[in-house]
Amino acid sequence: MTCAILIVDRDPHWTEKVSNAFVPYLVRVHTASMAKSALSIIRNSSLDLVVLDAGIVSIEMYSMNLHRRTRPKLIVTSSVRDFGMAVDSLRVGASDIFLRPVSLRDLIRRATRELDGRIASPHYLARRLDGFLMAHLGHSDLDLTRLSSAFGISASYASLLLREGSWGGFRARLAHHRVAQAKSLLVGTDEPLYLIAEECGFSSPSRLSETFLRVVGIGPKRFRQQRAIA
């Protein structure tokens, strides 16, 4: 199940930065800049984490409007040092209180620690990207834009995840999966190369042969002959 968080803040640029920082973790983000909309989300949504500007919604109002079935993790931000507010925040279960301006890095680190076990790590996301490539390798129009759009992340971030997974990036990983499928068909069937190329997402038999030679070191015809002899 996807985690859900609420960011209550008046600064749209800050809210956008925090929301974008959660993208790799496949988190559903709600945002609110006014007390009325924030309290409505708190009352009616099942949340895992609330990042609350105490200057918009008081801790007392937050506590009174909590969703009955859940008690989300709470991180409070404040523009002023207020001992009473800090005490109230801790009483309702706040894990941390940040004095503004807040370090985005520190906030995300704290938030991901609070949600540990309920959010996807970048490594998990990389595995899901790889699984998508395997499931859709037969589509010749599969590209980085389509892959990243399927997960709601940028193409550059998807590329980075695949490179950091020691897979050489999008093109190398897609070629690996297509060649692996081609190997299976070359050994397990008598299908001609043009059909195998089509099933594996290659635009033509020559593209199959070119990629196969680059990845395996020999062409598909020779590979099939060697396996038949063996």
Protein backbone atom coordinates (compact mmCIF):
# COMPACT_ATOMS: atom_id res chain seq x y z
CA MET A 1 0.00 0.00 0.00
CA THR A 2 1.24 3.49 -0.87
CA CYS A 3 2.10 5.75 2.04
CA ALA A 4 0.18 9.01 2.35
CA ILE A 5 1.57 12.21 3.83
CA LEU A 6 0.21 15.71 4.34
CA ILE A 7 2.37 18.82 4.05
CA VAL A 8 0.82 21.90 5.66
CA ASP A 9 2.73 25.00 4.62
CA ARG A 10 2.01 28.43 3.10
CA ASP A 11 5.10 28.51 0.88
CA PRO A 12 4.23 26.83 -2.47
CA HIS A 13 7.90 26.61 -3.50
CA TRP A 14 8.83 24.82 -0.28
CA THR A 15 5.84 22.51 -0.57
CA GLU A 16 6.85 21.61 -4.12
CA LYS A 17 10.42 20.87 -3.03
CA VAL A 18 9.26 18.58 -0.24
CA SER A 19 6.76 16.83 -2.53
CA ASN A 20 9.42 16.24 -5.19
CA ALA A 21 11.81 14.88 -2.58
CA PHE A 22 9.29 12.14 -1.78
CA VAL A 23 8.86 11.05 -5.42
CA PRO A 24 11.50 8.28 -5.26
CA TYR A 25 9.66 6.70 -2.34
CA LEU A 26 6.33 6.28 -4.19
CA VAL A 27 4.51 8.35 -1.57
CA ARG A 28 1.12 9.95 -2.15
CA VAL A 29 1.42 13.59 -1.11
CA HIS A 30 -1.42 15.84 0.03
CA THR A 31 -0.75 19.56 0.46
CA ALA A 32 -2.62 22.36 2.19
CA SER A 33 -1.80 26.02 2.74
CA MET A 34 -4.87 26.97 4.79
CA ALA A 35 -6.17 25.64 8.09
CA LYS A 36 -9.61 24.70 6.72
CA SER A 37 -8.30 22.49 3.92
CA ALA A 38 -5.61 20.98 6.15
CA LEU A 39 -8.08 20.03 8.86
CA SER A 40 -10.44 18.52 6.28
CA ILE A 41 -7.65 16.24 5.03
CA ILE A 42 -6.63 15.35 8.59
CA ARG A 43 -10.23 14.43 9.49
CA ASN A 44 -11.08 12.48 6.37
CA SER A 45 -7.88 10.88 5.11
CA SER A 46 -5.84 7.94 6.30
CA LEU A 47 -2.39 9.48 6.68
CA ASP A 48 0.97 8.02 7.61
CA LEU A 49 2.78 11.30 8.23
CA VAL A 50 1.88 14.96 8.72
CA VAL A 51 4.44 17.74 8.30
CA LEU A 52 2.62 20.53 10.08
CA ASP A 53 3.34 24.24 10.19
CA ALA A 54 2.09 25.10 13.69
CA GLY A 55 1.51 28.66 12.54
CA ILE A 56 -1.29 27.44 10.24
CA VAL A 57 -2.88 24.71 12.34
CA SER A 58 -2.39 24.76 16.10
CA ILE A 59 -1.41 21.55 17.83
CA GLU A 60 -4.69 21.63 19.74
CA MET A 61 -6.74 21.86 16.53
CA TYR A 62 -4.63 19.14 14.93
CA SER A 63 -5.27 16.79 17.85
CA MET A 64 -9.01 17.49 17.87
CA ASN A 65 -9.38 16.70 14.16
CA LEU A 66 -7.31 13.52 13.89
CA HIS A 67 -8.76 10.70 11.80
CA ARG A 68 -10.40 8.33 14.25
CA ARG A 69 -8.86 5.14 12.89
CA THR A 70 -5.29 6.34 12.54
CA ARG A 71 -2.69 8.40 14.33
CA PRO A 72 -0.08 9.48 11.79
CA LYS A 73 3.50 10.30 12.56
CA LEU A 74 3.90 14.02 13.15
CA ILE A 75 6.71 16.45 12.34
CA VAL A 76 6.13 20.06 13.36
CA THR A 77 7.67 23.18 11.84
CA SER A 78 7.52 26.61 13.44
CA SER A 79 8.74 30.12 12.72
CA VAL A 80 9.11 30.97 16.42
CA ARG A 81 10.53 29.31 19.51
CA ASP A 82 7.49 28.43 21.59
CA PHE A 83 8.03 26.21 24.61
CA GLY A 84 4.31 25.63 25.16
CA MET A 85 3.80 24.60 21.54
CA ALA A 86 6.78 22.27 21.76
CA VAL A 87 5.37 20.56 24.84
CA ASP A 88 1.94 20.19 23.23
CA SER A 89 3.56 18.77 20.08
CA LEU A 90 5.41 16.11 22.04
CA ARG A 91 2.26 15.23 23.96
CA VAL A 92 0.40 14.40 20.73
CA GLY A 93 3.31 12.30 19.49
CA ALA A 94 5.46 14.64 17.40
CA SER A 95 8.77 12.98 16.59
CA ASP A 96 10.57 16.24 15.87
CA ILE A 97 10.13 20.01 15.79
CA PHE A 98 12.00 22.05 13.21
CA LEU A 99 12.58 25.78 13.53
CA ARG A 100 12.16 27.53 10.20
CA PRO A 101 13.88 27.85 7.81
CA VAL A 102 14.05 24.06 7.65
CA SER A 103 16.80 22.04 5.98
CA LEU A 104 15.11 19.93 3.29
CA ARG A 105 17.73 17.23 3.69
CA ASP A 106 17.19 16.99 7.45
CA LEU A 107 13.42 16.96 7.08
CA ILE A 108 13.40 14.18 4.48
CA ARG A 109 15.91 12.16 6.50
CA ARG A 110 13.69 12.41 9.57
CA ALA A 111 10.51 11.69 7.63
CA THR A 112 11.88 8.59 5.91
CA ARG A 113 13.13 7.33 9.26
CA GLU A 114 9.64 7.70 10.69
CA LEU A 115 8.14 5.87 7.71
CA ASP A 116 10.77 3.14 7.61
CA GLY A 117 9.23 -0.13 6.46
CA ARG A 118 6.25 1.59 4.86
CA ILE A 119 7.90 3.40 1.97
CA ALA A 120 9.83 2.22 -1.05
CA SER A 121 13.57 2.74 -1.03
CA PRO A 122 15.34 3.92 -4.20
CA HIS A 123 16.70 0.36 -4.56
CA TYR A 124 13.18 -1.02 -4.42
CA LEU A 125 12.10 1.48 -7.05
CA ALA A 126 15.02 0.47 -9.27
CA ARG A 127 13.86 -3.15 -9.07
CA ARG A 128 10.35 -2.10 -10.05
CA LEU A 129 11.70 -0.15 -13.02
CA ASP A 130 13.66 -3.22 -14.05
CA GLY A 131 10.55 -5.38 -13.71
CA PHE A 132 8.64 -2.98 -15.95
CA LEU A 133 11.34 -3.31 -18.61
CA MET A 134 11.07 -7.09 -18.48
CA ALA A 135 7.28 -7.02 -18.70
CA HIS A 136 7.19 -4.58 -21.63
CA LEU A 137 10.32 -5.52 -23.60
CA GLY A 138 8.19 -6.64 -26.53
CA HIS A 139 7.08 -3.06 -27.22
CA SER A 140 9.43 -1.60 -29.80
CA ASP A 141 8.42 1.94 -28.80
CA LEU A 142 9.43 1.46 -25.15
CA ASP A 143 11.63 4.38 -24.16
CA LEU A 144 12.87 6.15 -21.05
CA THR A 145 10.03 8.68 -21.15
CA ARG A 146 7.37 5.96 -21.11
CA LEU A 147 9.18 4.10 -18.32
CA SER A 148 9.53 7.16 -16.09
CA SER A 149 5.94 8.28 -16.75
CA ALA A 150 4.65 4.90 -15.57
CA PHE A 151 6.16 5.60 -12.15
CA GLY A 152 5.58 9.34 -11.97
CA ILE A 153 9.27 10.22 -11.87
CA SER A 154 11.55 12.17 -14.18
CA ALA A 155 13.39 10.45 -17.01
CA SER A 156 16.72 11.59 -15.57
CA TYR A 157 15.93 10.05 -12.18
CA ALA A 158 14.82 6.77 -13.76
CA SER A 159 18.07 6.67 -15.72
CA LEU A 160 20.06 7.37 -12.57
CA LEU A 161 18.36 4.55 -10.65
CA LEU A 162 19.12 2.04 -13.40
CA ARG A 163 22.75 3.15 -13.60
CA GLU A 164 23.18 2.97 -9.83
CA GLY A 165 21.76 -0.54 -9.91
CA SER A 166 24.94 -1.59 -11.77
CA TRP A 167 22.87 -2.25 -14.86
CA GLY A 168 24.53 0.29 -17.14
CA GLY A 169 21.47 2.48 -17.63
CA PHE A 170 18.20 2.22 -19.52
CA ARG A 171 19.47 1.15 -22.94
CA ALA A 172 21.90 -1.43 -21.61
CA ARG A 173 19.31 -2.96 -19.28
CA LEU A 174 16.60 -3.10 -21.96
CA ALA A 175 19.06 -4.69 -24.40
CA HIS A 176 19.99 -7.26 -21.74
CA HIS A 177 16.37 -8.28 -21.22
CA ARG A 178 15.58 -8.40 -24.93
CA VAL A 179 18.63 -10.49 -25.70
CA ALA A 180 17.83 -12.84 -22.81
CA GLN A 181 14.35 -13.35 -24.23
CA ALA A 182 15.78 -13.85 -27.70
CA LYS A 183 18.17 -16.51 -26.36
CA SER A 184 15.25 -18.38 -24.85
CA LEU A 185 13.31 -18.31 -28.11
CA LEU A 186 16.35 -19.28 -30.20
CA VAL A 187 16.93 -22.37 -28.07
CA GLY A 188 13.35 -23.30 -27.23
CA THR A 189 11.60 -22.70 -30.55
CA ASP A 190 12.14 -22.97 -34.30
CA GLU A 191 10.79 -19.48 -34.94
CA PRO A 192 12.54 -17.48 -37.66
CA LEU A 193 14.61 -14.47 -36.66
CA TYR A 194 12.10 -11.93 -37.90
CA LEU A 195 9.43 -13.30 -35.53
CA ILE A 196 11.87 -13.46 -32.61
CA ALA A 197 12.91 -9.89 -33.33
CA GLU A 198 9.28 -8.77 -33.28
CA GLU A 199 8.45 -10.62 -30.05
CA CYS A 200 11.49 -9.17 -28.30
CA GLY A 201 10.78 -5.57 -29.29
CA PHE A 202 13.49 -5.16 -31.93
CA SER A 203 12.53 -2.97 -34.87
CA SER A 204 14.03 -5.42 -37.36
CA PRO A 205 15.98 -8.72 -37.58
CA SER A 206 19.12 -6.71 -38.34
CA ARG A 207 18.67 -4.74 -35.11
CA LEU A 208 18.30 -8.02 -33.25
CA SER A 209 21.50 -9.36 -34.80
CA GLU A 210 23.41 -6.17 -34.09
CA THR A 211 22.36 -6.01 -30.43
CA PHE A 212 22.79 -9.74 -29.91
CA LEU A 213 26.34 -9.63 -31.28
CA ARG A 214 27.22 -6.67 -29.05
CA VAL A 215 25.87 -8.29 -25.89
CA VAL A 216 26.72 -11.97 -26.44
CA GLY A 217 29.75 -11.78 -28.73
CA ILE A 218 28.24 -13.91 -31.48
CA GLY A 219 25.22 -13.49 -33.75
CA PRO A 220 21.83 -15.14 -33.07
CA LYS A 221 22.14 -17.65 -35.94
CA ARG A 222 25.49 -18.92 -34.71
CA PHE A 223 24.18 -19.01 -31.14
CA ARG A 224 21.26 -21.21 -32.21
CA GLN A 225 23.59 -23.50 -34.18
CA GLN A 226 25.97 -23.91 -31.25
CA ARG A 227 23.15 -24.71 -28.86
CA ALA A 228 21.66 -27.22 -31.31
CA ILE A 229 25.00 -29.05 -31.54
CA ALA A 230 25.47 -28.99 -27.77
